[in-house]
């Protein structure tokens, strides 16, 4: 497969990739809710509070991605990626860092691939043409 073929993004592959992103957002929401409640000790109280805030932010991200998937004519995923937990605060924070790194890596890949295929991806599917105003534009 040539590098040009590897970089080609179809609407279907973008929907699948965005659903992967959505599943990572669900994972983050669940993780943050859980970690914010089970982190113990004075050293972790401010971190626990931040995680609760982040859970709400991740919900906003999930709603945005879900909107994009629907706009592109797909069905938003309803399953999270695996959520790791531990009795040790350090492990939970390490899990969170690993998940965030993966999410950022995937977003960077998506942005680069979309940038090279923007024209073909932004053609609105026929069933969604009337929803453009309601959904806003993808981008």
N, C-alpha and C. Protein backbone atom coordinates (compact mmCIF):
# COMPACT_ATOMS: atom_id res chain seq x y z
N UNK A 1 0.85 -1.18 0.00
CA UNK A 1 0.00 0.00 0.00
C UNK A 1 0.89 1.24 0.00
N UNK A 2 0.64 2.17 -0.88
CA UNK A 2 1.45 3.38 -0.95
C UNK A 2 1.13 4.30 0.22
N UNK A 3 2.06 5.23 0.47
CA UNK A 3 1.82 6.16 1.58
C UNK A 3 0.61 7.04 1.30
N UNK A 4 0.35 7.31 0.00
CA UNK A 4 -0.83 8.11 -0.35
C UNK A 4 -2.12 7.36 0.00
N UNK A 5 -2.15 6.05 -0.27
CA UNK A 5 -3.32 5.24 0.07
C UNK A 5 -3.50 5.14 1.57
N UNK A 6 -2.37 5.03 2.30
CA UNK A 6 -2.44 4.92 3.76
C UNK A 6 -3.01 6.18 4.38
N UNK A 7 -2.73 7.33 3.77
CA UNK A 7 -3.17 8.61 4.31
C UNK A 7 -4.59 8.96 3.90
N UNK A 8 -5.13 8.28 2.88
CA UNK A 8 -6.47 8.58 2.40
C UNK A 8 -7.48 8.27 3.51
N UNK A 9 -8.31 9.23 3.79
CA UNK A 9 -9.33 9.07 4.82
C UNK A 9 -10.69 9.05 4.12
N UNK A 10 -11.46 8.03 4.40
CA UNK A 10 -12.82 7.99 3.90
C UNK A 10 -13.75 8.42 5.01
N UNK A 11 -14.95 8.76 4.65
CA UNK A 11 -15.95 9.11 5.66
C UNK A 11 -16.11 7.97 6.66
N UNK A 12 -16.16 6.73 6.13
CA UNK A 12 -16.33 5.56 6.99
C UNK A 12 -15.16 5.39 7.96
N UNK A 13 -13.93 5.57 7.46
CA UNK A 13 -12.77 5.41 8.35
C UNK A 13 -12.71 6.55 9.37
N UNK A 14 -13.15 7.75 8.98
CA UNK A 14 -13.17 8.86 9.93
C UNK A 14 -14.20 8.62 11.01
N UNK A 15 -15.36 8.11 10.64
CA UNK A 15 -16.39 7.80 11.64
C UNK A 15 -15.85 6.76 12.61
N UNK A 16 -15.19 5.73 12.10
CA UNK A 16 -14.64 4.69 12.98
C UNK A 16 -13.58 5.28 13.91
N UNK A 17 -12.73 6.14 13.38
CA UNK A 17 -11.69 6.76 14.21
C UNK A 17 -12.31 7.69 15.26
N UNK A 18 -13.29 8.46 14.87
CA UNK A 18 -13.96 9.34 15.83
C UNK A 18 -14.68 8.53 16.90
N UNK A 19 -15.25 7.40 16.53
CA UNK A 19 -15.86 6.54 17.54
C UNK A 19 -14.82 6.00 18.51
N UNK A 20 -13.60 5.73 18.02
CA UNK A 20 -12.52 5.35 18.92
C UNK A 20 -12.20 6.48 19.89
N UNK A 21 -12.19 7.71 19.37
CA UNK A 21 -11.98 8.87 20.23
C UNK A 21 -13.10 8.99 21.26
N UNK A 22 -14.32 8.76 20.82
CA UNK A 22 -15.47 8.83 21.72
C UNK A 22 -15.35 7.79 22.82
N UNK A 23 -14.91 6.59 22.47
CA UNK A 23 -14.73 5.54 23.47
C UNK A 23 -13.65 5.91 24.48
N UNK A 24 -12.60 6.63 24.03
CA UNK A 24 -11.57 7.10 24.97
C UNK A 24 -12.13 8.20 25.87
N UNK A 25 -13.03 9.04 25.34
CA UNK A 25 -13.66 10.06 26.18
C UNK A 25 -14.53 9.41 27.26
N UNK A 26 -15.29 8.40 26.88
CA UNK A 26 -16.09 7.66 27.88
C UNK A 26 -15.18 7.05 28.94
N UNK A 27 -14.07 6.48 28.50
CA UNK A 27 -13.10 5.89 29.43
C UNK A 27 -12.62 6.96 30.42
N UNK A 28 -12.31 8.14 29.90
CA UNK A 28 -11.83 9.23 30.75
C UNK A 28 -12.89 9.66 31.76
N UNK A 29 -14.13 9.78 31.30
CA UNK A 29 -15.22 10.19 32.20
C UNK A 29 -15.33 9.19 33.35
N UNK A 30 -15.40 7.92 33.02
CA UNK A 30 -15.54 6.89 34.06
C UNK A 30 -14.33 6.88 34.99
N UNK A 31 -13.13 6.96 34.40
CA UNK A 31 -11.92 6.97 35.21
C UNK A 31 -11.91 8.16 36.17
N UNK A 32 -12.19 9.35 35.64
CA UNK A 32 -12.14 10.54 36.47
C UNK A 32 -13.18 10.51 37.58
N UNK A 33 -14.36 10.04 37.27
CA UNK A 33 -15.38 9.92 38.32
C UNK A 33 -14.89 8.96 39.40
N UNK A 34 -14.39 7.81 38.98
CA UNK A 34 -13.91 6.82 39.94
C UNK A 34 -12.71 7.33 40.73
N UNK A 35 -11.70 7.79 40.04
CA UNK A 35 -10.47 8.23 40.71
C UNK A 35 -10.74 9.40 41.66
N UNK A 36 -11.62 10.31 41.24
CA UNK A 36 -11.89 11.47 42.09
C UNK A 36 -12.52 11.07 43.43
N UNK A 37 -13.17 9.93 43.45
CA UNK A 37 -13.82 9.48 44.68
C UNK A 37 -12.96 8.54 45.52
N UNK A 38 -12.06 7.81 44.88
CA UNK A 38 -11.31 6.80 45.63
C UNK A 38 -9.88 7.20 45.97
N UNK A 39 -9.38 8.31 45.44
CA UNK A 39 -8.05 8.77 45.84
C UNK A 39 -8.12 9.15 47.32
N UNK A 40 -7.19 8.65 48.08
CA UNK A 40 -7.19 8.88 49.53
C UNK A 40 -5.93 9.62 49.97
N UNK A 41 -6.07 10.38 51.02
CA UNK A 41 -4.93 11.06 51.61
C UNK A 41 -4.88 12.54 51.27
N UNK A 42 -4.31 13.29 52.20
CA UNK A 42 -4.24 14.75 52.05
C UNK A 42 -3.49 15.16 50.80
N UNK A 43 -2.49 14.38 50.41
CA UNK A 43 -1.68 14.72 49.24
C UNK A 43 -2.48 14.66 47.94
N UNK A 44 -3.61 13.95 47.97
CA UNK A 44 -4.38 13.74 46.73
C UNK A 44 -5.71 14.47 46.69
N UNK A 45 -6.08 15.20 47.73
CA UNK A 45 -7.39 15.84 47.76
C UNK A 45 -7.56 16.88 46.66
N UNK A 46 -6.55 17.70 46.42
CA UNK A 46 -6.70 18.70 45.36
C UNK A 46 -6.72 18.03 43.98
N UNK A 47 -5.98 16.94 43.83
CA UNK A 47 -5.99 16.19 42.57
C UNK A 47 -7.37 15.59 42.35
N UNK A 48 -7.96 15.04 43.42
CA UNK A 48 -9.30 14.45 43.31
C UNK A 48 -10.31 15.50 42.85
N UNK A 49 -10.21 16.69 43.38
CA UNK A 49 -11.10 17.77 42.97
C UNK A 49 -10.92 18.14 41.50
N UNK A 50 -9.69 18.18 41.05
CA UNK A 50 -9.41 18.46 39.64
C UNK A 50 -9.96 17.37 38.73
N UNK A 51 -9.86 16.13 39.17
CA UNK A 51 -10.36 15.01 38.36
C UNK A 51 -11.88 15.10 38.18
N UNK A 52 -12.57 15.54 39.23
CA UNK A 52 -14.02 15.72 39.11
C UNK A 52 -14.36 16.78 38.07
N UNK A 53 -13.58 17.85 38.04
CA UNK A 53 -13.77 18.90 37.04
C UNK A 53 -13.50 18.35 35.65
N UNK A 54 -12.42 17.57 35.53
CA UNK A 54 -12.05 17.00 34.23
C UNK A 54 -13.13 16.04 33.71
N UNK A 55 -13.80 15.34 34.61
CA UNK A 55 -14.87 14.43 34.18
C UNK A 55 -15.94 15.20 33.42
N UNK A 56 -16.28 16.39 33.92
CA UNK A 56 -17.29 17.22 33.25
C UNK A 56 -16.78 17.72 31.90
N UNK A 57 -15.50 18.07 31.83
CA UNK A 57 -14.91 18.53 30.57
C UNK A 57 -14.91 17.40 29.54
N UNK A 58 -14.61 16.19 29.99
CA UNK A 58 -14.59 15.05 29.08
C UNK A 58 -15.99 14.76 28.54
N UNK A 59 -17.00 15.00 29.35
CA UNK A 59 -18.38 14.83 28.88
C UNK A 59 -18.66 15.81 27.74
N UNK A 60 -18.20 17.04 27.87
CA UNK A 60 -18.36 18.01 26.78
C UNK A 60 -17.65 17.53 25.52
N UNK A 61 -16.44 16.99 25.67
CA UNK A 61 -15.71 16.45 24.51
C UNK A 61 -16.50 15.32 23.86
N UNK A 62 -17.03 14.43 24.69
CA UNK A 62 -17.80 13.29 24.17
C UNK A 62 -19.02 13.78 23.39
N UNK A 63 -19.68 14.80 23.88
CA UNK A 63 -20.84 15.34 23.17
C UNK A 63 -20.43 15.95 21.83
N UNK A 64 -19.30 16.63 21.79
CA UNK A 64 -18.82 17.22 20.54
C UNK A 64 -18.47 16.13 19.52
N UNK A 65 -17.76 15.11 19.97
CA UNK A 65 -17.37 14.03 19.06
C UNK A 65 -18.61 13.29 18.57
N UNK A 66 -19.53 13.04 19.46
CA UNK A 66 -20.79 12.37 19.10
C UNK A 66 -21.52 13.17 18.03
N UNK A 67 -21.52 14.47 18.17
CA UNK A 67 -22.14 15.34 17.19
C UNK A 67 -21.46 15.20 15.83
N UNK A 68 -20.13 15.14 15.81
CA UNK A 68 -19.39 14.98 14.56
C UNK A 68 -19.71 13.65 13.89
N UNK A 69 -19.76 12.59 14.69
CA UNK A 69 -20.06 11.26 14.14
C UNK A 69 -21.44 11.27 13.50
N UNK A 70 -22.41 11.83 14.20
CA UNK A 70 -23.76 11.91 13.66
C UNK A 70 -23.79 12.76 12.40
N UNK A 71 -23.12 13.89 12.42
CA UNK A 71 -23.08 14.79 11.26
C UNK A 71 -22.52 14.08 10.03
N UNK A 72 -21.53 13.22 10.24
CA UNK A 72 -20.91 12.49 9.14
C UNK A 72 -21.75 11.29 8.69
N UNK A 73 -22.87 11.06 9.36
CA UNK A 73 -23.77 9.98 8.96
C UNK A 73 -23.56 8.68 9.71
N UNK A 74 -22.78 8.72 10.79
CA UNK A 74 -22.51 7.51 11.56
C UNK A 74 -23.35 7.43 12.83
N UNK A 75 -23.18 6.31 13.52
CA UNK A 75 -23.86 6.09 14.80
C UNK A 75 -22.79 6.21 15.89
N UNK A 76 -22.94 7.16 16.81
CA UNK A 76 -21.95 7.30 17.88
C UNK A 76 -21.86 6.04 18.74
N UNK A 77 -20.64 5.69 19.09
CA UNK A 77 -20.39 4.52 19.93
C UNK A 77 -20.99 4.73 21.32
N UNK A 78 -21.29 3.62 21.98
CA UNK A 78 -21.83 3.69 23.34
C UNK A 78 -20.99 2.91 24.33
N UNK A 79 -19.80 2.48 23.91
CA UNK A 79 -18.98 1.67 24.81
C UNK A 79 -17.65 2.37 25.11
N UNK A 80 -17.22 2.32 26.35
CA UNK A 80 -15.93 2.92 26.69
C UNK A 80 -14.78 1.95 26.42
N UNK A 81 -13.58 2.52 26.25
CA UNK A 81 -12.38 1.70 26.27
C UNK A 81 -12.24 1.17 27.70
N UNK A 82 -11.39 0.18 27.87
CA UNK A 82 -11.21 -0.42 29.20
C UNK A 82 -10.77 0.63 30.22
N UNK A 83 -11.37 0.57 31.39
CA UNK A 83 -11.04 1.48 32.48
C UNK A 83 -10.20 0.71 33.49
N UNK A 84 -8.98 1.19 33.69
CA UNK A 84 -8.09 0.56 34.67
C UNK A 84 -8.24 1.28 36.00
N UNK A 85 -8.19 0.51 37.06
CA UNK A 85 -8.23 1.11 38.39
C UNK A 85 -7.28 0.34 39.30
N UNK A 86 -7.03 0.89 40.46
CA UNK A 86 -6.10 0.30 41.40
C UNK A 86 -6.42 0.83 42.79
N UNK A 87 -5.90 0.15 43.76
CA UNK A 87 -6.02 0.65 45.14
C UNK A 87 -4.94 1.70 45.42
N UNK A 88 -3.93 1.78 44.56
CA UNK A 88 -2.81 2.69 44.75
C UNK A 88 -3.03 3.97 43.93
N UNK A 89 -2.93 5.10 44.60
CA UNK A 89 -3.12 6.39 43.93
C UNK A 89 -2.13 6.58 42.80
N UNK A 90 -0.88 6.20 43.01
CA UNK A 90 0.15 6.38 41.99
C UNK A 90 -0.21 5.60 40.72
N UNK A 91 -0.76 4.41 40.89
CA UNK A 91 -1.16 3.61 39.72
C UNK A 91 -2.29 4.30 38.96
N UNK A 92 -3.27 4.81 39.69
CA UNK A 92 -4.39 5.48 39.03
C UNK A 92 -3.91 6.69 38.25
N UNK A 93 -3.01 7.45 38.82
CA UNK A 93 -2.50 8.63 38.13
C UNK A 93 -1.66 8.24 36.92
N UNK A 94 -0.94 7.14 37.02
CA UNK A 94 -0.17 6.63 35.87
C UNK A 94 -1.11 6.18 34.76
N UNK A 95 -2.19 5.47 35.14
CA UNK A 95 -3.19 5.06 34.15
C UNK A 95 -3.75 6.28 33.43
N UNK A 96 -4.05 7.31 34.20
CA UNK A 96 -4.61 8.53 33.63
C UNK A 96 -3.63 9.16 32.65
N UNK A 97 -2.37 9.24 33.03
CA UNK A 97 -1.36 9.83 32.15
C UNK A 97 -1.21 9.02 30.86
N UNK A 98 -1.20 7.71 30.96
CA UNK A 98 -1.11 6.85 29.77
C UNK A 98 -2.31 7.07 28.85
N UNK A 99 -3.50 7.14 29.43
CA UNK A 99 -4.71 7.35 28.64
C UNK A 99 -4.69 8.72 27.95
N UNK A 100 -4.25 9.74 28.66
CA UNK A 100 -4.18 11.08 28.08
C UNK A 100 -3.18 11.13 26.93
N UNK A 101 -2.04 10.49 27.10
CA UNK A 101 -1.04 10.45 26.02
C UNK A 101 -1.60 9.77 24.78
N UNK A 102 -2.30 8.67 24.97
CA UNK A 102 -2.90 7.96 23.84
C UNK A 102 -3.96 8.82 23.16
N UNK A 103 -4.78 9.49 23.94
CA UNK A 103 -5.82 10.35 23.39
C UNK A 103 -5.21 11.48 22.57
N UNK A 104 -4.21 12.13 23.09
CA UNK A 104 -3.55 13.23 22.38
C UNK A 104 -2.90 12.72 21.10
N UNK A 105 -2.26 11.58 21.17
CA UNK A 105 -1.63 10.97 19.98
C UNK A 105 -2.66 10.71 18.89
N UNK A 106 -3.79 10.14 19.29
CA UNK A 106 -4.86 9.85 18.32
C UNK A 106 -5.44 11.12 17.72
N UNK A 107 -5.63 12.15 18.54
CA UNK A 107 -6.16 13.42 18.03
C UNK A 107 -5.19 14.04 17.02
N UNK A 108 -3.90 13.99 17.31
CA UNK A 108 -2.90 14.54 16.38
C UNK A 108 -2.95 13.82 15.04
N UNK A 109 -3.03 12.48 15.10
CA UNK A 109 -3.13 11.70 13.87
C UNK A 109 -4.36 12.10 13.08
N UNK A 110 -5.47 12.26 13.78
CA UNK A 110 -6.73 12.60 13.13
C UNK A 110 -6.65 13.96 12.46
N UNK A 111 -6.12 14.93 13.16
CA UNK A 111 -6.01 16.28 12.61
C UNK A 111 -5.15 16.26 11.35
N UNK A 112 -4.02 15.57 11.39
CA UNK A 112 -3.15 15.50 10.22
C UNK A 112 -3.83 14.81 9.05
N UNK A 113 -4.52 13.73 9.30
CA UNK A 113 -5.18 13.00 8.22
C UNK A 113 -6.36 13.80 7.65
N UNK A 114 -7.09 14.47 8.51
CA UNK A 114 -8.23 15.28 8.04
C UNK A 114 -7.72 16.45 7.20
N UNK A 115 -6.64 17.05 7.62
CA UNK A 115 -6.10 18.21 6.90
C UNK A 115 -5.77 17.85 5.46
N UNK A 116 -5.30 16.62 5.22
CA UNK A 116 -4.95 16.22 3.86
C UNK A 116 -6.15 15.73 3.05
N UNK A 117 -7.28 15.51 3.71
CA UNK A 117 -8.46 14.97 3.03
C UNK A 117 -9.70 15.82 3.27
N UNK A 118 -9.54 17.03 3.64
CA UNK A 118 -10.65 17.89 4.08
C UNK A 118 -11.78 18.00 3.06
N UNK A 119 -11.46 18.25 1.82
CA UNK A 119 -12.50 18.47 0.81
C UNK A 119 -13.45 17.28 0.70
N UNK A 120 -12.92 16.08 0.57
CA UNK A 120 -13.79 14.93 0.37
C UNK A 120 -14.58 14.60 1.63
N UNK A 121 -14.03 14.90 2.78
CA UNK A 121 -14.71 14.57 4.03
C UNK A 121 -15.85 15.53 4.37
N UNK A 122 -15.75 16.73 3.89
CA UNK A 122 -16.75 17.71 4.27
C UNK A 122 -17.98 17.71 3.37
N UNK A 123 -17.98 16.88 2.36
CA UNK A 123 -19.19 16.75 1.55
C UNK A 123 -20.27 16.15 2.43
N UNK A 124 -21.35 16.83 2.57
CA UNK A 124 -22.41 16.42 3.47
C UNK A 124 -23.21 15.25 2.91
N UNK A 125 -23.39 14.18 3.70
CA UNK A 125 -24.24 13.09 3.22
C UNK A 125 -25.66 13.61 2.96
N UNK A 126 -26.31 13.05 1.96
CA UNK A 126 -27.64 13.53 1.56
C UNK A 126 -28.61 13.57 2.73
N UNK A 127 -28.61 12.55 3.57
CA UNK A 127 -29.59 12.50 4.66
C UNK A 127 -29.35 13.60 5.70
N UNK A 128 -28.16 14.19 5.71
CA UNK A 128 -27.84 15.20 6.71
C UNK A 128 -27.85 16.63 6.18
N UNK A 129 -28.14 16.82 4.91
CA UNK A 129 -28.03 18.17 4.35
C UNK A 129 -28.88 19.19 5.10
N UNK A 130 -30.06 18.79 5.52
CA UNK A 130 -30.93 19.73 6.25
C UNK A 130 -30.46 19.95 7.68
N UNK A 131 -29.62 19.05 8.19
CA UNK A 131 -29.13 19.19 9.55
C UNK A 131 -27.89 20.03 9.70
N UNK A 132 -27.36 20.55 8.60
CA UNK A 132 -26.14 21.33 8.65
C UNK A 132 -26.27 22.52 9.57
N UNK A 133 -27.36 23.24 9.48
CA UNK A 133 -27.56 24.41 10.32
C UNK A 133 -27.64 24.00 11.79
N UNK A 134 -28.36 22.92 12.06
CA UNK A 134 -28.53 22.49 13.44
C UNK A 134 -27.22 21.98 14.04
N UNK A 135 -26.41 21.29 13.23
CA UNK A 135 -25.20 20.67 13.74
C UNK A 135 -23.98 21.55 13.65
N UNK A 136 -24.00 22.58 12.86
CA UNK A 136 -22.80 23.38 12.64
C UNK A 136 -21.90 22.67 11.66
N UNK A 137 -20.75 23.23 11.40
CA UNK A 137 -19.86 22.60 10.43
C UNK A 137 -18.80 21.78 11.14
N UNK A 138 -18.32 20.76 10.45
CA UNK A 138 -17.26 19.92 10.99
C UNK A 138 -15.95 20.62 10.73
N UNK A 139 -15.14 20.75 11.73
CA UNK A 139 -13.82 21.33 11.48
C UNK A 139 -13.26 21.99 12.62
